[in-house]
Amino acid sequence: MEKRKRTRVPAHFKVSVWIGAKEIRTETQNISLTGIHCAPDHRINQGEDCRVVMALNKDVKITLEGRVLRAGPEETVISFLSIDTESFFHLKRLLQFNAENADMIEEELSNPAFK
């Protein structure tokens, strides 16, 4: 049974994952309103807090704070902890643009992701 409350959208973007002062460059596999699934990297460990920066173009970046939920040879999964208003706007638009059903993304915003 599917437990996800947020639509995951396939999207391949270059991202920088900052753990302290260490920058790790990787690529997204899919994105939701609450997290990101990235290509694996042995330098990223489960439980670490991080900053994720995704440059959509030279002027637009999505920056958020997160925590690594899973890190292994197959995947890296980061849960979002906080995001500023401007980055959230860009994240929402990115998801709507890439989703099969853009209205579903808007609908998800009216339902709490966490209990």
PDB file of N, CA and C in Angstrom:
ATOM      1  N   MET A   1       0.835  -1.169   0.000  1.00  0.00           N
ATOM      2  CA  MET A   1       0.000   0.000   0.000  1.00  0.00           C
ATOM      3  C   MET A   1       0.891   1.247   0.000  1.00  0.00           C
ATOM      4  N   GLU A   2       0.584   2.194  -0.857  1.00  0.00           N
ATOM      5  CA  GLU A   2       1.338   3.446  -0.977  1.00  0.00           C
ATOM      6  C   GLU A   2       1.045   4.356   0.204  1.00  0.00           C
ATOM      7  N   LYS A   3       2.105   4.779   0.928  1.00  0.00           N
ATOM      8  CA  LYS A   3       1.939   5.649   2.088  1.00  0.00           C
ATOM      9  C   LYS A   3       2.265   7.105   1.779  1.00  0.00           C
ATOM     10  N   ARG A   4       2.790   7.378   0.609  1.00  0.00           N
ATOM     11  CA  ARG A   4       3.203   8.736   0.280  1.00  0.00           C
ATOM     12  C   ARG A   4       2.014   9.681   0.224  1.00  0.00           C
ATOM     13  N   LYS A   5       2.244  10.882   0.754  1.00  0.00           N
ATOM     14  CA  LYS A   5       1.204  11.908   0.732  1.00  0.00           C
ATOM     15  C   LYS A   5       1.495  12.970  -0.318  1.00  0.00           C
ATOM     16  N   ARG A   6       2.650  12.902  -0.926  1.00  0.00           N
ATOM     17  CA  ARG A   6       3.050  13.904  -1.908  1.00  0.00           C
ATOM     18  C   ARG A   6       3.458  13.225  -3.215  1.00  0.00           C
ATOM     19  N   THR A   7       3.096  13.857  -4.313  1.00  0.00           N
ATOM     20  CA  THR A   7       3.444  13.364  -5.634  1.00  0.00           C
ATOM     21  C   THR A   7       4.942  13.512  -5.859  1.00  0.00           C
ATOM     22  N   ARG A   8       5.560  12.441  -6.323  1.00  0.00           N
ATOM     23  CA  ARG A   8       6.965  12.518  -6.713  1.00  0.00           C
ATOM     24  C   ARG A   8       7.014  12.743  -8.218  1.00  0.00           C
ATOM     25  N   VAL A   9       7.795  13.723  -8.614  1.00  0.00           N
ATOM     26  CA  VAL A   9       7.897  14.104 -10.019  1.00  0.00           C
ATOM     27  C   VAL A   9       9.288  13.745 -10.523  1.00  0.00           C
ATOM     28  N   PRO A  10       9.378  12.957 -11.603  1.00  0.00           N
ATOM     29  CA  PRO A  10      10.697  12.674 -12.169  1.00  0.00           C
ATOM     30  C   PRO A  10      11.320  13.973 -12.674  1.00  0.00           C
ATOM     31  N   ALA A  11      12.504  14.268 -12.205  1.00  0.00           N
ATOM     32  CA  ALA A  11      13.186  15.501 -12.608  1.00  0.00           C
ATOM     33  C   ALA A  11      14.680  15.314 -12.391  1.00  0.00           C
ATOM     34  N   HIS A  12      15.445  15.640 -13.390  1.00  0.00           N
ATOM     35  CA  HIS A  12      16.897  15.472 -13.321  1.00  0.00           C
ATOM     36  C   HIS A  12      17.565  16.841 -13.380  1.00  0.00           C
ATOM     37  N   PHE A  13      17.990  17.292 -12.204  1.00  0.00           N
ATOM     38  CA  PHE A  13      18.677  18.569 -12.068  1.00  0.00           C
ATOM     39  C   PHE A  13      19.963  18.356 -11.292  1.00  0.00           C
ATOM     40  N   LYS A  14      20.957  19.148 -11.623  1.00  0.00           N
ATOM     41  CA  LYS A  14      22.190  19.155 -10.836  1.00  0.00           C
ATOM     42  C   LYS A  14      21.898  19.850  -9.513  1.00  0.00           C
ATOM     43  N   VAL A  15      22.358  19.274  -8.420  1.00  0.00           N
ATOM     44  CA  VAL A  15      22.190  19.886  -7.104  1.00  0.00           C
ATOM     45  C   VAL A  15      23.506  19.824  -6.342  1.00  0.00           C
ATOM     46  N   SER A  16      23.662  20.780  -5.449  1.00  0.00           N
ATOM     47  CA  SER A  16      24.774  20.757  -4.500  1.00  0.00           C
ATOM     48  C   SER A  16      24.187  20.458  -3.135  1.00  0.00           C
ATOM     49  N   VAL A  17      24.722  19.431  -2.497  1.00  0.00           N
ATOM     50  CA  VAL A  17      24.329  19.083  -1.135  1.00  0.00           C
ATOM     51  C   VAL A  17      25.481  19.528  -0.243  1.00  0.00           C
ATOM     52  N   TRP A  18      25.189  20.469   0.641  1.00  0.00           N
ATOM     53  CA  TRP A  18      26.202  20.996   1.551  1.00  0.00           C
ATOM     54  C   TRP A  18      26.031  20.345   2.917  1.00  0.00           C
ATOM     55  N   ILE A  19      27.068  19.674   3.373  1.00  0.00           N
ATOM     56  CA  ILE A  19      27.099  19.106   4.715  1.00  0.00           C
ATOM     57  C   ILE A  19      28.236  19.826   5.427  1.00  0.00           C
ATOM     58  N   GLY A  20      27.858  20.768   6.286  1.00  0.00           N
ATOM     59  CA  GLY A  20      28.859  21.659   6.859  1.00  0.00           C
ATOM     60  C   GLY A  20      29.464  22.481   5.734  1.00  0.00           C
ATOM     61  N   ALA A  21      30.799  22.498   5.650  1.00  0.00           N
ATOM     62  CA  ALA A  21      31.492  23.253   4.608  1.00  0.00           C
ATOM     63  C   ALA A  21      31.798  22.403   3.376  1.00  0.00           C
ATOM     64  N   LYS A  22      31.360  21.148   3.388  1.00  0.00           N
ATOM     65  CA  LYS A  22      31.655  20.216   2.293  1.00  0.00           C
ATOM     66  C   LYS A  22      30.529  20.235   1.255  1.00  0.00           C
ATOM     67  N   GLU A  23      30.880  20.554   0.004  1.00  0.00           N
ATOM     68  CA  GLU A  23      29.908  20.542  -1.091  1.00  0.00           C
ATOM     69  C   GLU A  23      30.009  19.227  -1.845  1.00  0.00           C
ATOM     70  N   ILE A  24      28.867  18.578  -2.020  1.00  0.00           N
ATOM     71  CA  ILE A  24      28.799  17.332  -2.774  1.00  0.00           C
ATOM     72  C   ILE A  24      27.829  17.564  -3.926  1.00  0.00           C
ATOM     73  N   ARG A  25      28.320  17.426  -5.136  1.00  0.00           N
ATOM     74  CA  ARG A  25      27.470  17.639  -6.312  1.00  0.00           C
ATOM     75  C   ARG A  25      26.890  16.300  -6.756  1.00  0.00           C
ATOM     76  N   THR A  26      25.592  16.310  -7.010  1.00  0.00           N
ATOM     77  CA  THR A  26      24.895  15.106  -7.443  1.00  0.00           C
ATOM     78  C   THR A  26      23.749  15.516  -8.359  1.00  0.00           C
ATOM     79  N   GLU A  27      22.866  14.591  -8.675  1.00  0.00           N
ATOM     80  CA  GLU A  27      21.743  14.871  -9.569  1.00  0.00           C
ATOM     81  C   GLU A  27      20.462  14.296  -8.987  1.00  0.00           C
ATOM     82  N   THR A  28      19.374  15.028  -9.144  1.00  0.00           N
ATOM     83  CA  THR A  28      18.086  14.545  -8.652  1.00  0.00           C
ATOM     84  C   THR A  28      17.560  13.433  -9.559  1.00  0.00           C
ATOM     85  N   GLN A  29      16.795  12.546  -8.953  1.00  0.00           N
ATOM     86  CA  GLN A  29      16.060  11.520  -9.698  1.00  0.00           C
ATOM     87  C   GLN A  29      14.573  11.880  -9.717  1.00  0.00           C
ATOM     88  N   ASN A  30      14.080  12.318  -8.546  1.00  0.00           N
ATOM     89  CA  ASN A  30      12.715  12.827  -8.462  1.00  0.00           C
ATOM     90  C   ASN A  30      12.608  13.772  -7.276  1.00  0.00           C
ATOM     91  N   ILE A  31      11.546  14.578  -7.297  1.00  0.00           N
ATOM     92  CA  ILE A  31      11.359  15.633  -6.300  1.00  0.00           C
ATOM     93  C   ILE A  31       9.888  15.653  -5.893  1.00  0.00           C
ATOM     94  N   SER A  32       9.638  15.978  -4.624  1.00  0.00           N
ATOM     95  CA  SER A  32       8.273  16.211  -4.152  1.00  0.00           C
ATOM     96  C   SER A  32       8.275  17.503  -3.335  1.00  0.00           C
ATOM     97  N   LEU A  33       7.118  17.845  -2.788  1.00  0.00           N
ATOM     98  CA  LEU A  33       7.037  19.025  -1.924  1.00  0.00           C
ATOM     99  C   LEU A  33       7.758  18.821  -0.598  1.00  0.00           C
ATOM    100  N   THR A  34       8.053  17.572  -0.243  1.00  0.00           N
ATOM    101  CA  THR A  34       8.654  17.294   1.065  1.00  0.00           C
ATOM    102  C   THR A  34      10.028  16.641   1.006  1.00  0.00           C
ATOM    103  N   GLY A  35      10.529  16.336  -0.189  1.00  0.00           N
ATOM    104  CA  GLY A  35      11.826  15.683  -0.236  1.00  0.00           C
ATOM    105  C   GLY A  35      12.361  15.521  -1.642  1.00  0.00           C
ATOM    106  N   ILE A  36      13.571  14.984  -1.681  1.00  0.00           N
ATOM    107  CA  ILE A  36      14.283  14.835  -2.942  1.00  0.00           C
ATOM    108  C   ILE A  36      15.004  13.490  -2.943  1.00  0.00           C
ATOM    109  N   HIS A  37      14.986  12.832  -4.075  1.00  0.00           N
ATOM    110  CA  HIS A  37      15.673  11.556  -4.269  1.00  0.00           C
ATOM    111  C   HIS A  37      16.814  11.827  -5.237  1.00  0.00           C
ATOM    112  N   CYS A  38      18.039  11.539  -4.803  1.00  0.00           N
ATOM    113  CA  CYS A  38      19.227  11.859  -5.599  1.00  0.00           C
ATOM    114  C   CYS A  38      20.021  10.602  -5.922  1.00  0.00           C
ATOM    115  N   ALA A  39      20.925  10.762  -6.867  1.00  0.00           N
ATOM    116  CA  ALA A  39      21.880   9.706  -7.155  1.00  0.00           C
ATOM    117  C   ALA A  39      22.727   9.465  -5.904  1.00  0.00           C
ATOM    118  N   PRO A  40      23.173   8.232  -5.689  1.00  0.00           N
ATOM    119  CA  PRO A  40      23.950   7.934  -4.483  1.00  0.00           C
ATOM    120  C   PRO A  40      25.326   8.594  -4.500  1.00  0.00           C
ATOM    121  N   ASP A  41      25.835   8.861  -3.310  1.00  0.00           N
ATOM    122  CA  ASP A  41      27.195   9.373  -3.137  1.00  0.00           C
ATOM    123  C   ASP A  41      27.690   8.896  -1.778  1.00  0.00           C
ATOM    124  N   HIS A  42      28.818   8.209  -1.765  1.00  0.00           N
ATOM    125  CA  HIS A  42      29.331   7.602  -0.526  1.00  0.00           C
ATOM    126  C   HIS A  42      29.713   8.631   0.540  1.00  0.00           C
ATOM    127  N   ARG A  43      29.821   9.906   0.166  1.00  0.00           N
ATOM    128  CA  ARG A  43      30.186  10.942   1.142  1.00  0.00           C
ATOM    129  C   ARG A  43      28.988  11.461   1.930  1.00  0.00           C
ATOM    130  N   ILE A  44      27.785  11.040   1.554  1.00  0.00           N
ATOM    131  CA  ILE A  44      26.564  11.469   2.241  1.00  0.00           C
ATOM    132  C   ILE A  44      26.105  10.337   3.149  1.00  0.00           C
ATOM    133  N   ASN A  45      25.842  10.660   4.420  1.00  0.00           N
ATOM    134  CA  ASN A  45      25.471   9.641   5.404  1.00  0.00           C
ATOM    135  C   ASN A  45      24.083   9.886   5.976  1.00  0.00           C
ATOM    136  N   GLN A  46      23.384   8.803   6.245  1.00  0.00           N
ATOM    137  CA  GLN A  46      22.052   8.875   6.839  1.00  0.00           C
ATOM    138  C   GLN A  46      22.095   9.668   8.140  1.00  0.00           C
ATOM    139  N   GLY A  47      21.090  10.517   8.331  1.00  0.00           N
ATOM    140  CA  GLY A  47      20.966  11.298   9.556  1.00  0.00           C
ATOM    141  C   GLY A  47      21.638  12.653   9.526  1.00  0.00           C
ATOM    142  N   GLU A  48      22.437  12.923   8.509  1.00  0.00           N
ATOM    143  CA  GLU A  48      23.128  14.215   8.444  1.00  0.00           C
ATOM    144  C   GLU A  48      22.167  15.329   8.042  1.00  0.00           C
ATOM    145  N   ASP A  49      22.324  16.481   8.686  1.00  0.00           N
ATOM    146  CA  ASP A  49      21.611  17.679   8.262  1.00  0.00           C
ATOM    147  C   ASP A  49      22.389  18.295   7.107  1.00  0.00           C
ATOM    148  N   CYS A  50      21.678  18.906   6.183  1.00  0.00           N
ATOM    149  CA  CYS A  50      22.337  19.436   4.995  1.00  0.00           C
ATOM    150  C   CYS A  50      21.574  20.625   4.438  1.00  0.00           C
ATOM    151  N   ARG A  51      22.219  21.317   3.528  1.00  0.00           N
ATOM    152  CA  ARG A  51      21.587  22.373   2.734  1.00  0.00           C
ATOM    153  C   ARG A  51      21.633  21.882   1.291  1.00  0.00           C
ATOM    154  N   VAL A  52      20.516  22.002   0.597  1.00  0.00           N
ATOM    155  CA  VAL A  52      20.431  21.598  -0.803  1.00  0.00           C
ATOM    156  C   VAL A  52      20.236  22.857  -1.642  1.00  0.00           C
ATOM    157  N   VAL A  53      21.057  23.000  -2.678  1.00  0.00           N
ATOM    158  CA  VAL A  53      20.950  24.139  -3.591  1.00  0.00           C
ATOM    159  C   VAL A  53      20.794  23.588  -5.008  1.00  0.00           C
ATOM    160  N   MET A  54      19.686  23.949  -5.636  1.00  0.00           N
ATOM    161  CA  MET A  54      19.405  23.519  -6.998  1.00  0.00           C
ATOM    162  C   MET A  54      19.280  24.770  -7.858  1.00  0.00           C
ATOM    163  N   ALA A  55      20.213  24.940  -8.788  1.00  0.00           N
ATOM    164  CA  ALA A  55      20.177  26.098  -9.685  1.00  0.00           C
ATOM    165  C   ALA A  55      19.314  25.756 -10.890  1.00  0.00           C
ATOM    166  N   LEU A  56      18.196  26.466 -11.035  1.00  0.00           N
ATOM    167  CA  LEU A  56      17.312  26.240 -12.178  1.00  0.00           C
ATOM    168  C   LEU A  56      17.819  26.972 -13.412  1.00  0.00           C
ATOM    169  N   ASN A  57      18.447  28.116 -13.182  1.00  0.00           N
ATOM    170  CA  ASN A  57      19.167  28.856 -14.218  1.00  0.00           C
ATOM    171  C   ASN A  57      20.139  29.776 -13.490  1.00  0.00           C
ATOM    172  N   LYS A  58      20.807  30.669 -14.222  1.00  0.00           N
ATOM    173  CA  LYS A  58      21.842  31.480 -13.568  1.00  0.00           C
ATOM    174  C   LYS A  58      21.285  32.439 -12.525  1.00  0.00           C
ATOM    175  N   ASP A  59      19.992  32.769 -12.624  1.00  0.00           N
ATOM    176  CA  ASP A  59      19.392  33.723 -11.693  1.00  0.00           C
ATOM    177  C   ASP A  59      18.471  33.099 -10.650  1.00  0.00           C
ATOM    178  N   VAL A  60      18.041  31.867 -10.867  1.00  0.00           N
ATOM    179  CA  VAL A  60      17.037  31.254  -9.991  1.00  0.00           C
ATOM    180  C   VAL A  60      17.598  29.997  -9.330  1.00  0.00           C
ATOM    181  N   LYS A  61      17.570  30.008  -7.985  1.00  0.00           N
ATOM    182  CA  LYS A  61      18.025  28.850  -7.210  1.00  0.00           C
ATOM    183  C   LYS A  61      16.959  28.473  -6.198  1.00  0.00           C
ATOM    184  N   ILE A  62      16.842  27.183  -5.956  1.00  0.00           N
ATOM    185  CA  ILE A  62      16.023  26.678  -4.856  1.00  0.00           C
ATOM    186  C   ILE A  62      17.001  26.266  -3.769  1.00  0.00           C
ATOM    187  N   THR A  63      16.847  26.850  -2.584  1.00  0.00           N
ATOM    188  CA  THR A  63      17.722  26.533  -1.457  1.00  0.00           C
ATOM    189  C   THR A  63      16.851  26.085  -0.296  1.00  0.00           C
ATOM    190  N   LEU A  64      17.219  24.974   0.315  1.00  0.00           N
ATOM    191  CA  LEU A  64      16.438  24.466   1.437  1.00  0.00           C
ATOM    192  C   LEU A  64      17.331  23.716   2.409  1.00  0.00           C
ATOM    193  N   GLU A  65      16.822  23.568   3.615  1.00  0.00           N
ATOM    194  CA  GLU A  65      17.502  22.794   4.647  1.00  0.00           C
ATOM    195  C   GLU A  65      16.852  21.420   4.691  1.00  0.00           C
ATOM    196  N   GLY A  66      17.658  20.388   4.888  1.00  0.00           N
ATOM    197  CA  GLY A  66      17.121  19.040   4.899  1.00  0.00           C
ATOM    198  C   GLY A  66      17.889  18.110   5.811  1.00  0.00           C
ATOM    199  N   ARG A  67      17.409  16.879   5.856  1.00  0.00           N
ATOM    200  CA  ARG A  67      18.066  15.810   6.616  1.00  0.00           C
ATOM    201  C   ARG A  67      18.078  14.561   5.738  1.00  0.00           C
ATOM    202  N   VAL A  68      19.211  13.873   5.721  1.00  0.00           N
ATOM    203  CA  VAL A  68      19.355  12.668   4.913  1.00  0.00           C
ATOM    204  C   VAL A  68      18.590  11.528   5.590  1.00  0.00           C
ATOM    205  N   LEU A  69      17.544  11.044   4.923  1.00  0.00           N
ATOM    206  CA  LEU A  69      16.748   9.928   5.457  1.00  0.00           C
ATOM    207  C   LEU A  69      17.371   8.588   5.129  1.00  0.00           C
ATOM    208  N   ARG A  70      17.849   8.458   3.894  1.00  0.00           N
ATOM    209  CA  ARG A  70      18.495   7.219   3.466  1.00  0.00           C
ATOM    210  C   ARG A  70      19.708   7.573   2.618  1.00  0.00           C
ATOM    211  N   ALA A  71      20.757   6.797   2.805  1.00  0.00           N
ATOM    212  CA  ALA A  71      21.968   6.969   2.000  1.00  0.00           C
ATOM    213  C   ALA A  71      22.595   5.599   1.817  1.00  0.00           C
ATOM    214  N   GLY A  72      22.697   5.171   0.597  1.00  0.00           N
ATOM    215  CA  GLY A  72      23.254   3.855   0.330  1.00  0.00           C
ATOM    216  C   GLY A  72      23.756   3.763  -1.091  1.00  0.00           C
ATOM    217  N   PRO A  73      24.104   2.561  -1.517  1.00  0.00           N
ATOM    218  CA  PRO A  73      24.668   2.386  -2.853  1.00  0.00           C
ATOM    219  C   PRO A  73      23.667   2.618  -3.984  1.00  0.00           C
ATOM    220  N   GLU A  74      22.371   2.617  -3.669  1.00  0.00           N
ATOM    221  CA  GLU A  74      21.344   2.784  -4.695  1.00  0.00           C
ATOM    222  C   GLU A  74      20.744   4.183  -4.746  1.00  0.00           C
ATOM    223  N   GLU A  75      20.770   4.897  -3.611  1.00  0.00           N
ATOM    224  CA  GLU A  75      20.040   6.158  -3.553  1.00  0.00           C
ATOM    225  C   GLU A  75      20.489   7.026  -2.392  1.00  0.00           C
ATOM    226  N   THR A  76      20.144   8.295  -2.510  1.00  0.00           N
ATOM    227  CA  THR A  76      20.220   9.245  -1.406  1.00  0.00           C
ATOM    228  C   THR A  76      18.864   9.935  -1.349  1.00  0.00           C
ATOM    229  N   VAL A  77      18.230   9.920  -0.177  1.00  0.00           N
ATOM    230  CA  VAL A  77      16.918  10.535   0.002  1.00  0.00           C
ATOM    231  C   VAL A  77      17.031  11.592   1.088  1.00  0.00           C
ATOM    232  N   ILE A  78      16.627  12.813   0.757  1.00  0.00           N
ATOM    233  CA  ILE A  78      16.705  13.936   1.688  1.00  0.00           C
ATOM    234  C   ILE A  78      15.298  14.466   1.935  1.00  0.00           C
ATOM    235  N   SER A  79      14.945  14.585   3.208  1.00  0.00           N
ATOM    236  CA  SER A  79      13.662  15.151   3.614  1.00  0.00           C
ATOM    237  C   SER A  79      13.854  16.637   3.877  1.00  0.00           C
ATOM    238  N   PHE A  80      12.929  17.456   3.395  1.00  0.00           N
ATOM    239  CA  PHE A  80      13.016  18.894   3.594  1.00  0.00           C
ATOM    240  C   PHE A  80      12.600  19.260   5.012  1.00  0.00           C
ATOM    241  N   LEU A  81      13.394  20.106   5.659  1.00  0.00           N
ATOM    242  CA  LEU A  81      13.077  20.606   6.997  1.00  0.00           C
ATOM    243  C   LEU A  81      12.568  22.040   6.945  1.00  0.00           C
ATOM    244  N   SER A  82      13.169  22.863   6.081  1.00  0.00           N
ATOM    245  CA  SER A  82      12.725  24.251   5.943  1.00  0.00           C
ATOM    246  C   SER A  82      13.122  24.780   4.569  1.00  0.00           C
ATOM    247  N   ILE A  83      12.317  25.753   4.124  1.00  0.00           N
ATOM    248  CA  ILE A  83      12.550  26.368   2.822  1.00  0.00           C
ATOM    249  C   ILE A  83      11.998  27.789   2.884  1.00  0.00           C
ATOM    250  N   ASP A  84      12.708  28.740   2.284  1.00  0.00           N
ATOM    251  CA  ASP A  84      12.219  30.122   2.295  1.00  0.00           C
ATOM    252  C   ASP A  84      11.095  30.283   1.270  1.00  0.00           C
ATOM    253  N   THR A  85      10.359  31.368   1.378  1.00  0.00           N
ATOM    254  CA  THR A  85       9.168  31.603   0.556  1.00  0.00           C
ATOM    255  C   THR A  85       9.485  31.610  -0.937  1.00  0.00           C
ATOM    256  N   GLU A  86      10.539  32.290  -1.329  1.00  0.00           N
ATOM    257  CA  GLU A  86      10.883  32.369  -2.753  1.00  0.00           C
ATOM    258  C   GLU A  86      11.272  31.002  -3.306  1.00  0.00           C
ATOM    259  N   SER A  87      12.083  30.256  -2.563  1.00  0.00           N
ATOM    260  CA  SER A  87      12.474  28.919  -3.011  1.00  0.00           C
ATOM    261  C   SER A  87      11.259  27.998  -3.092  1.00  0.00           C
ATOM    262  N   PHE A  88      10.335  28.128  -2.126  1.00  0.00           N
ATOM    263  CA  PHE A  88       9.132  27.300  -2.155  1.00  0.00           C
ATOM    264  C   PHE A  88       8.303  27.594  -3.403  1.00  0.00           C
ATOM    265  N   PHE A  89       8.177  28.859  -3.759  1.00  0.00           N
ATOM    266  CA  PHE A  89       7.448  29.239  -4.970  1.00  0.00           C
ATOM    267  C   PHE A  89       8.055  28.553  -6.191  1.00  0.00           C
ATOM    268  N   HIS A  90       9.391  28.589  -6.311  1.00  0.00           N
ATOM    269  CA  HIS A  90      10.063  27.973  -7.457  1.00  0.00           C
ATOM    270  C   HIS A  90       9.921  26.454  -7.427  1.00  0.00           C
ATOM    271  N   LEU A  91      10.002  25.854  -6.235  1.00  0.00           N
ATOM    272  CA  LEU A  91       9.827  24.406  -6.110  1.00  0.00           C
ATOM    273  C   LEU A  91       8.423  24.004  -6.563  1.00  0.00           C
ATOM    274  N   LYS A  92       7.430  24.715  -6.089  1.00  0.00           N
ATOM    275  CA  LYS A  92       6.042  24.413  -6.459  1.00  0.00           C
ATOM    276  C   LYS A  92       5.846  24.523  -7.971  1.00  0.00           C
ATOM    277  N   ARG A  93       6.360  25.575  -8.574  1.00  0.00           N
ATOM    278  CA  ARG A  93       6.228  25.761 -10.028  1.00  0.00           C
ATOM    279  C   ARG A  93       6.968  24.666 -10.795  1.00  0.00           C
ATOM    280  N   LEU A  94       8.144  24.290 -10.324  1.00  0.00           N
ATOM    281  CA  LEU A  94       8.911  23.219 -10.960  1.00  0.00           C
ATOM    282  C   LEU A  94       8.113  21.920 -10.936  1.00  0.00           C
ATOM    283  N   LEU A  95       7.508  21.611  -9.792  1.00  0.00           N
ATOM    284  CA  LEU A  95       6.715  20.392  -9.671  1.00  0.00           C
ATOM    285  C   LEU A  95       5.479  20.450 -10.564  1.00  0.00           C
ATOM    286  N   GLN A  96       4.799  21.581 -10.573  1.00  0.00           N
ATOM    287  CA  GLN A  96       3.610  21.715 -11.415  1.00  0.00           C
ATOM    288  C   GLN A  96       3.959  21.561 -12.898  1.00  0.00           C
ATOM    289  N   PHE A  97       5.061  22.123 -13.299  1.00  0.00           N
ATOM    290  CA  PHE A  97       5.476  22.063 -14.696  1.00  0.00           C
ATOM    291  C   PHE A  97       5.812  20.636 -15.125  1.00  0.00           C
ATOM    292  N   ASN A  98       6.393  19.850 -14.205  1.00  0.00           N
ATOM    293  CA  ASN A  98       6.850  18.502 -14.539  1.00  0.00           C
ATOM    294  C   ASN A  98       5.868  17.394 -14.162  1.00  0.00           C
ATOM    295  N   ALA A  99       4.827  17.716 -13.426  1.00  0.00           N
ATOM    296  CA  ALA A  99       3.866  16.699 -12.980  1.00  0.00           C
ATOM    297  C   ALA A  99       2.902  16.324 -14.101  1.00  0.00           C
ATOM    298  N   GLU A 100       2.418  15.083 -14.058  1.00  0.00           N
ATOM    299  CA  GLU A 100       1.390  14.660 -15.003  1.00  0.00           C
ATOM    300  C   GLU A 100       0.107  15.450 -14.779  1.00  0.00           C
ATOM    301  N   ASN A 101      -0.178  15.765 -13.514  1.00  0.00           N
ATOM    302  CA  ASN A 101      -1.387  16.504 -13.154  1.00  0.00           C
ATOM    303  C   ASN A 101      -0.978  17.682 -12.269  1.00  0.00           C
ATOM    304  N   ALA A 102      -0.800  18.850 -12.873  1.00  0.00           N
ATOM    305  CA  ALA A 102      -0.334  20.031 -12.136  1.00  0.00           C
ATOM    306  C   ALA A 102      -1.308  20.438 -11.042  1.00  0.00           C
ATOM    307  N   ASP A 103      -2.598  20.217 -11.250  1.00  0.00           N
ATOM    308  CA  ASP A 103      -3.593  20.577 -10.237  1.00  0.00           C
ATOM    309  C   ASP A 103      -3.418  19.762  -8.960  1.00  0.00           C
ATOM    310  N   MET A 104      -2.893  18.550  -9.093  1.00  0.00           N
ATOM    311  CA  MET A 104      -2.682  17.690  -7.929  1.00  0.00           C
ATOM    312  C   MET A 104      -1.671  18.319  -6.967  1.00  0.00           C
ATOM    313  N   ILE A 105      -0.661  18.983  -7.487  1.00  0.00           N
ATOM    314  CA  ILE A 105       0.342  19.634  -6.637  1.00  0.00           C
ATOM    315  C   ILE A 105      -0.336  20.714  -5.802  1.00  0.00           C
ATOM    316  N   GLU A 106      -1.173  21.519  -6.423  1.00  0.00           N
ATOM    317  CA  GLU A 106      -1.895  22.571  -5.697  1.00  0.00           C
ATOM    318  C   GLU A 106      -2.820  21.962  -4.642  1.00  0.00           C
ATOM    319  N   GLU A 107      -3.480  20.879  -4.990  1.00  0.00           N
ATOM    320  CA  GLU A 107      -4.386  20.203  -4.055  1.00  0.00           C
ATOM    321  C   GLU A 107      -3.627  19.667  -2.840  1.00  0.00           C
ATOM    322  N   GLU A 108      -2.422  19.161  -3.065  1.00  0.00           N
ATOM    323  CA  GLU A 108      -1.615  18.621  -1.967  1.00  0.00           C
ATOM    324  C   GLU A 108      -1.274  19.688  -0.936  1.00  0.00           C
ATOM    325  N   LEU A 109      -1.196  20.936  -1.366  1.00  0.00           N
ATOM    326  CA  LEU A 109      -0.862  22.020  -0.445  1.00  0.00           C
ATOM    327  C   LEU A 109      -1.961  22.266   0.584  1.00  0.00           C
ATOM    328  N   SER A 110      -3.178  21.860   0.278  1.00  0.00           N
ATOM    329  CA  SER A 110      -4.280  22.059   1.224  1.00  0.00           C
ATOM    330  C   SER A 110      -4.369  20.947   2.264  1.00  0.00           C
ATOM    331  N   ASN A 111      -3.572  19.897   2.094  1.00  0.00           N
ATOM    332  CA  ASN A 111      -3.557  18.779   3.042  1.00  0.00           C
ATOM    333  C   ASN A 111      -2.220  18.724   3.760  1.00  0.00           C
ATOM    334  N   PRO A 112      -2.215  18.622   5.091  1.00  0.00           N
ATOM    335  CA  PRO A 112      -0.947  18.566   5.813  1.00  0.00           C
ATOM    336  C   PRO A 112      -0.144  17.322   5.438  1.00  0.00           C
ATOM    337  N   ALA A 113       1.147  17.508   5.295  1.00  0.00           N
ATOM    338  CA  ALA A 113       2.026  16.385   4.965  1.00  0.00           C
ATOM    339  C   ALA A 113       2.376  15.577   6.203  1.00  0.00           C
ATOM    340  N   PHE A 114       2.317  16.211   7.357  1.00  0.00           N
ATOM    341  CA  PHE A 114       2.751  15.566   8.588  1.00  0.00           C
ATOM    342  C   PHE A 114       1.642  15.640   9.620  1.00  0.00           C
ATOM    343  N   LYS A 115       1.563  14.617  10.457  1.00  0.00           N
ATOM    344  CA  LYS A 115       0.571  14.611  11.543  1.00  0.00           C
ATOM    345  C   LYS A 115       1.260  14.691  12.874  1.00  0.00           C
TER     346      LYS A 115
END
